[in-house]
Amino acid sequence: MPRTCAFCKIVHGEAQAYVVFEDEISLAFLDLRPLFPGHLLLVPREHYQTLVDLPPSFVAPLFANVRLLARAVEEGLGAQGSFVAINNRVSQSVPHLHIHVVPRQKKDGLRGFFWPRRRYRDREAILEVQTALRSAIDRLRAPRVGAVGDGPNGGGPLV
């Protein structure tokens, strides 16, 4: 049976994506029409349409990955913060649960819910952002001797 979900095709290697992170439950890739360079989409590997459909046992590991990615956009791209969002059905362009992780800067122009989407200038710009994020994720996931709260998803002290 052919897959019709665009994100399932990415997860199964049937469609191209600029992947920055993957583990046994999820995959993160660059949004090709980002609010800002580094705008990521994190999807569960299994097809669940909305957050409500996600099995409870997947919530904590998936959101540990969201936390890792939010830290990575700050460290890897020099962002001052991040915006994390989920649409359930309404405004959900692909009916597969996906979590947006968007790097933010003060006075970046993002206001309310009228967000101008932009394309990357070229493939080289996409690859540059992909490399920066992968490097930050690797650094954040690397074990740090004696660090409080470290875990498999790049822990660190909880604040």
C-alpha atoms as a PDB file:
ATOM      1  CA  MET A   1       0.000   0.000   0.000  1.00  0.00           C
ATOM      2  CA  PRO A   2       1.544   3.350  -1.000  1.00  0.00           C
ATOM      3  CA  ARG A   3       2.086   5.906   1.746  1.00  0.00           C
ATOM      4  CA  THR A   4       0.194   9.157   1.311  1.00  0.00           C
ATOM      5  CA  CYS A   5       1.410  11.019   4.424  1.00  0.00           C
ATOM      6  CA  ALA A   6       4.274  13.353   3.523  1.00  0.00           C
ATOM      7  CA  PHE A   7       5.922  12.938   6.937  1.00  0.00           C
ATOM      8  CA  CYS A   8       5.621   9.131   6.901  1.00  0.00           C
ATOM      9  CA  LYS A   9       7.409   9.227   3.534  1.00  0.00           C
ATOM     10  CA  ILE A  10      10.237  11.238   5.141  1.00  0.00           C
ATOM     11  CA  VAL A  11      10.433   8.873   8.129  1.00  0.00           C
ATOM     12  CA  HIS A  12      10.665   5.857   5.805  1.00  0.00           C
ATOM     13  CA  GLY A  13      13.234   7.447   3.466  1.00  0.00           C
ATOM     14  CA  GLU A  14      10.799   7.780   0.577  1.00  0.00           C
ATOM     15  CA  ALA A  15      11.044  11.585   0.470  1.00  0.00           C
ATOM     16  CA  GLN A  16      13.974  13.917   0.996  1.00  0.00           C
ATOM     17  CA  ALA A  17      14.381  15.976   4.148  1.00  0.00           C
ATOM     18  CA  TYR A  18      17.243  17.777   5.843  1.00  0.00           C
ATOM     19  CA  VAL A  19      17.347  15.643   8.992  1.00  0.00           C
ATOM     20  CA  VAL A  20      19.010  17.115  12.066  1.00  0.00           C
ATOM     21  CA  PHE A  21      18.057  14.514  14.678  1.00  0.00           C
ATOM     22  CA  GLU A  22      16.643  11.035  14.942  1.00  0.00           C
ATOM     23  CA  ASP A  23      16.164   8.375  17.557  1.00  0.00           C
ATOM     24  CA  GLU A  24      13.978   5.299  17.949  1.00  0.00           C
ATOM     25  CA  ILE A  25      10.744   7.286  18.417  1.00  0.00           C
ATOM     26  CA  SER A  26      11.161  10.479  16.434  1.00  0.00           C
ATOM     27  CA  LEU A  27      12.814  12.363  13.606  1.00  0.00           C
ATOM     28  CA  ALA A  28      13.515  16.103  13.288  1.00  0.00           C
ATOM     29  CA  PHE A  29      14.118  17.918  10.020  1.00  0.00           C
ATOM     30  CA  LEU A  30      14.291  21.458   8.715  1.00  0.00           C
ATOM     31  CA  ASP A  31      11.049  23.073   7.604  1.00  0.00           C
ATOM     32  CA  LEU A  32      11.607  24.151   3.999  1.00  0.00           C
ATOM     33  CA  ARG A  33       9.356  27.197   4.471  1.00  0.00           C
ATOM     34  CA  PRO A  34      10.708  28.347   7.819  1.00  0.00           C
ATOM     35  CA  LEU A  35       9.656  31.278   9.920  1.00  0.00           C
ATOM     36  CA  PHE A  36      13.401  31.719  10.468  1.00  0.00           C
ATOM     37  CA  PRO A  37      16.398  29.583   9.391  1.00  0.00           C
ATOM     38  CA  GLY A  38      16.616  26.627  11.740  1.00  0.00           C
ATOM     39  CA  HIS A  39      12.831  26.157  12.067  1.00  0.00           C
ATOM     40  CA  LEU A  40      12.505  22.432  12.785  1.00  0.00           C
ATOM     41  CA  LEU A  41       9.705  19.915  12.669  1.00  0.00           C
ATOM     42  CA  LEU A  42       9.864  16.980  15.085  1.00  0.00           C
ATOM     43  CA  VAL A  43       7.619  14.049  14.145  1.00  0.00           C
ATOM     44  CA  PRO A  44       7.015  10.696  15.795  1.00  0.00           C
ATOM     45  CA  ARG A  45       8.152   7.812  13.574  1.00  0.00           C
ATOM     46  CA  GLU A  46       4.739   6.189  13.915  1.00  0.00           C
ATOM     47  CA  HIS A  47       1.790   7.943  12.318  1.00  0.00           C
ATOM     48  CA  TYR A  48      -0.364   9.762  14.865  1.00  0.00           C
ATOM     49  CA  GLN A  49      -2.512  12.577  13.553  1.00  0.00           C
ATOM     50  CA  THR A  50      -2.653  14.755  16.683  1.00  0.00           C
ATOM     51  CA  LEU A  51      -1.174  15.083  20.154  1.00  0.00           C
ATOM     52  CA  VAL A  52      -4.341  13.523  21.570  1.00  0.00           C
ATOM     53  CA  ASP A  53      -3.676  10.397  19.467  1.00  0.00           C
ATOM     54  CA  LEU A  54      -0.128   9.974  20.800  1.00  0.00           C
ATOM     55  CA  PRO A  55       0.136   7.086  23.300  1.00  0.00           C
ATOM     56  CA  PRO A  56       0.863   8.354  26.821  1.00  0.00           C
ATOM     57  CA  SER A  57       4.119   6.372  26.964  1.00  0.00           C
ATOM     58  CA  PHE A  58       5.484   8.423  24.051  1.00  0.00           C
ATOM     59  CA  VAL A  59       4.746  11.861  25.527  1.00  0.00           C
ATOM     60  CA  ALA A  60       7.755  12.106  27.869  1.00  0.00           C
ATOM     61  CA  PRO A  61      10.385  10.814  25.414  1.00  0.00           C
ATOM     62  CA  LEU A  62       9.012  12.956  22.582  1.00  0.00           C
ATOM     63  CA  PHE A  63       9.039  16.096  24.701  1.00  0.00           C
ATOM     64  CA  ALA A  64      12.538  15.292  26.006  1.00  0.00           C
ATOM     65  CA  ASN A  65      13.523  15.521  22.328  1.00  0.00           C
ATOM     66  CA  VAL A  66      11.644  18.831  21.979  1.00  0.00           C
ATOM     67  CA  ARG A  67      13.646  20.119  24.929  1.00  0.00           C
ATOM     68  CA  LEU A  68      16.902  18.969  23.327  1.00  0.00           C
ATOM     69  CA  LEU A  69      16.006  20.667  20.033  1.00  0.00           C
ATOM     70  CA  ALA A  70      14.991  23.908  21.739  1.00  0.00           C
ATOM     71  CA  ARG A  71      18.413  24.001  23.402  1.00  0.00           C
ATOM     72  CA  ALA A  72      20.099  23.113  20.106  1.00  0.00           C
ATOM     73  CA  VAL A  73      18.564  26.010  18.160  1.00  0.00           C
ATOM     74  CA  GLU A  74      19.795  28.381  20.846  1.00  0.00           C
ATOM     75  CA  GLU A  75      23.310  26.941  21.066  1.00  0.00           C
ATOM     76  CA  GLY A  76      23.779  25.964  17.440  1.00  0.00           C
ATOM     77  CA  LEU A  77      22.285  29.071  15.837  1.00  0.00           C
ATOM     78  CA  GLY A  78      22.893  31.704  18.501  1.00  0.00           C
ATOM     79  CA  ALA A  79      19.158  32.171  19.064  1.00  0.00           C
ATOM     80  CA  GLN A  80      18.079  34.053  22.183  1.00  0.00           C
ATOM     81  CA  GLY A  81      15.157  31.702  22.680  1.00  0.00           C
ATOM     82  CA  SER A  82      12.730  29.447  20.866  1.00  0.00           C
ATOM     83  CA  PHE A  83       9.080  29.115  19.986  1.00  0.00           C
ATOM     84  CA  VAL A  84       7.544  25.633  20.311  1.00  0.00           C
ATOM     85  CA  ALA A  85       4.122  24.919  18.825  1.00  0.00           C
ATOM     86  CA  ILE A  86       1.728  22.162  17.791  1.00  0.00           C
ATOM     87  CA  ASN A  87      -1.365  22.487  15.643  1.00  0.00           C
ATOM     88  CA  ASN A  88      -4.048  19.834  16.101  1.00  0.00           C
ATOM     89  CA  ARG A  89      -6.162  19.533  12.945  1.00  0.00           C
ATOM     90  CA  VAL A  90      -6.797  23.283  12.425  1.00  0.00           C
ATOM     91  CA  SER A  91      -3.798  24.808  10.610  1.00  0.00           C
ATOM     92  CA  GLN A  92      -2.122  21.397  10.540  1.00  0.00           C
ATOM     93  CA  SER A  93      -0.790  21.369   6.977  1.00  0.00           C
ATOM     94  CA  VAL A  94       0.213  17.689   7.201  1.00  0.00           C
ATOM     95  CA  PRO A  95      -2.118  15.430   9.217  1.00  0.00           C
ATOM     96  CA  HIS A  96       0.767  13.802  11.121  1.00  0.00           C
ATOM     97  CA  LEU A  97       1.634  15.097  14.588  1.00  0.00           C
ATOM     98  CA  HIS A  98       4.519  17.527  14.262  1.00  0.00           C
ATOM     99  CA  ILE A  99       6.071  19.927  16.707  1.00  0.00           C
ATOM    100  CA  HIS A 100       7.533  23.186  15.450  1.00  0.00           C
ATOM    101  CA  VAL A 101      10.740  24.362  17.141  1.00  0.00           C
ATOM    102  CA  VAL A 102      11.594  27.845  15.905  1.00  0.00           C
ATOM    103  CA  PRO A 103      14.688  29.879  16.857  1.00  0.00           C
ATOM    104  CA  ARG A 104      13.832  33.365  18.124  1.00  0.00           C
ATOM    105  CA  GLN A 105      15.601  36.663  18.638  1.00  0.00           C
ATOM    106  CA  LYS A 106      14.251  39.702  20.427  1.00  0.00           C
ATOM    107  CA  LYS A 107      12.607  42.050  17.918  1.00  0.00           C
ATOM    108  CA  ASP A 108      12.696  39.375  15.183  1.00  0.00           C
ATOM    109  CA  GLY A 109       9.367  40.589  13.819  1.00  0.00           C
ATOM    110  CA  LEU A 110       7.343  37.536  14.793  1.00  0.00           C
ATOM    111  CA  ARG A 111       4.080  38.870  16.177  1.00  0.00           C
ATOM    112  CA  GLY A 112       0.772  37.263  16.924  1.00  0.00           C
ATOM    113  CA  PHE A 113      -0.236  34.551  14.508  1.00  0.00           C
ATOM    114  CA  PHE A 114       0.566  36.295  11.226  1.00  0.00           C
ATOM    115  CA  TRP A 115       3.909  34.763  10.476  1.00  0.00           C
ATOM    116  CA  PRO A 116       5.685  35.428   7.206  1.00  0.00           C
ATOM    117  CA  ARG A 117       7.217  32.222   5.923  1.00  0.00           C
ATOM    118  CA  ARG A 118      10.497  32.415   4.017  1.00  0.00           C
ATOM    119  CA  ARG A 119      12.440  30.008   1.861  1.00  0.00           C
ATOM    120  CA  TYR A 120      16.136  29.332   2.322  1.00  0.00           C
ATOM    121  CA  ARG A 121      18.223  31.305  -0.185  1.00  0.00           C
ATOM    122  CA  ASP A 122      19.679  28.070  -1.603  1.00  0.00           C
ATOM    123  CA  ARG A 123      20.658  24.500  -0.759  1.00  0.00           C
ATOM    124  CA  GLU A 124      23.968  25.678   0.707  1.00  0.00           C
ATOM    125  CA  ALA A 125      22.111  27.773   3.302  1.00  0.00           C
ATOM    126  CA  ILE A 126      20.001  24.744   4.242  1.00  0.00           C
ATOM    127  CA  LEU A 127      23.087  22.557   4.633  1.00  0.00           C
ATOM    128  CA  GLU A 128      24.836  25.197   6.753  1.00  0.00           C
ATOM    129  CA  VAL A 129      21.925  25.354   9.203  1.00  0.00           C
ATOM    130  CA  GLN A 130      21.576  21.553   9.190  1.00  0.00           C
ATOM    131  CA  THR A 131      25.278  21.154  10.071  1.00  0.00           C
ATOM    132  CA  ALA A 132      25.127  23.759  12.858  1.00  0.00           C
ATOM    133  CA  LEU A 133      22.117  22.067  14.434  1.00  0.00           C
ATOM    134  CA  ARG A 134      23.550  18.559  14.170  1.00  0.00           C
ATOM    135  CA  SER A 135      26.762  19.735  15.840  1.00  0.00           C
ATOM    136  CA  ALA A 136      24.849  21.404  18.668  1.00  0.00           C
ATOM    137  CA  ILE A 137      22.722  18.280  19.193  1.00  0.00           C
ATOM    138  CA  ASP A 138      25.844  16.099  19.328  1.00  0.00           C
ATOM    139  CA  ARG A 139      27.428  18.434  21.901  1.00  0.00           C
ATOM    140  CA  LEU A 140      24.260  18.530  23.995  1.00  0.00           C
ATOM    141  CA  ARG A 141      23.847  14.751  23.938  1.00  0.00           C
ATOM    142  CA  ALA A 142      27.492  14.033  24.804  1.00  0.00           C
ATOM    143  CA  PRO A 143      27.933  12.765  28.357  1.00  0.00           C
ATOM    144  CA  ARG A 144      29.309  15.342  30.751  1.00  0.00           C
ATOM    145  CA  VAL A 145      31.058  13.882  33.765  1.00  0.00           C
ATOM    146  CA  GLY A 146      29.451  15.002  37.008  1.00  0.00           C
ATOM    147  CA  ALA A 147      26.670  17.080  35.448  1.00  0.00           C
ATOM    148  CA  VAL A 148      23.407  17.050  37.382  1.00  0.00           C
ATOM    149  CA  GLY A 149      20.365  15.758  35.507  1.00  0.00           C
ATOM    150  CA  ASP A 150      22.196  14.458  32.453  1.00  0.00           C
ATOM    151  CA  GLY A 151      20.388  11.785  30.586  1.00  0.00           C
ATOM    152  CA  PRO A 152      20.083  10.221  27.173  1.00  0.00           C
ATOM    153  CA  ASN A 153      18.354  13.289  25.733  1.00  0.00           C
ATOM    154  CA  GLY A 154      20.933  15.921  26.664  1.00  0.00           C
ATOM    155  CA  GLY A 155      19.586  16.632  30.150  1.00  0.00           C
ATOM    156  CA  GLY A 156      21.385  19.107  32.258  1.00  0.00           C
ATOM    157  CA  PRO A 157      19.950  20.845  35.293  1.00  0.00           C
ATOM    158  CA  LEU A 158      16.224  21.391  35.140  1.00  0.00           C
ATOM    159  CA  VAL A 159      15.172  24.964  35.778  1.00  0.00           C
END
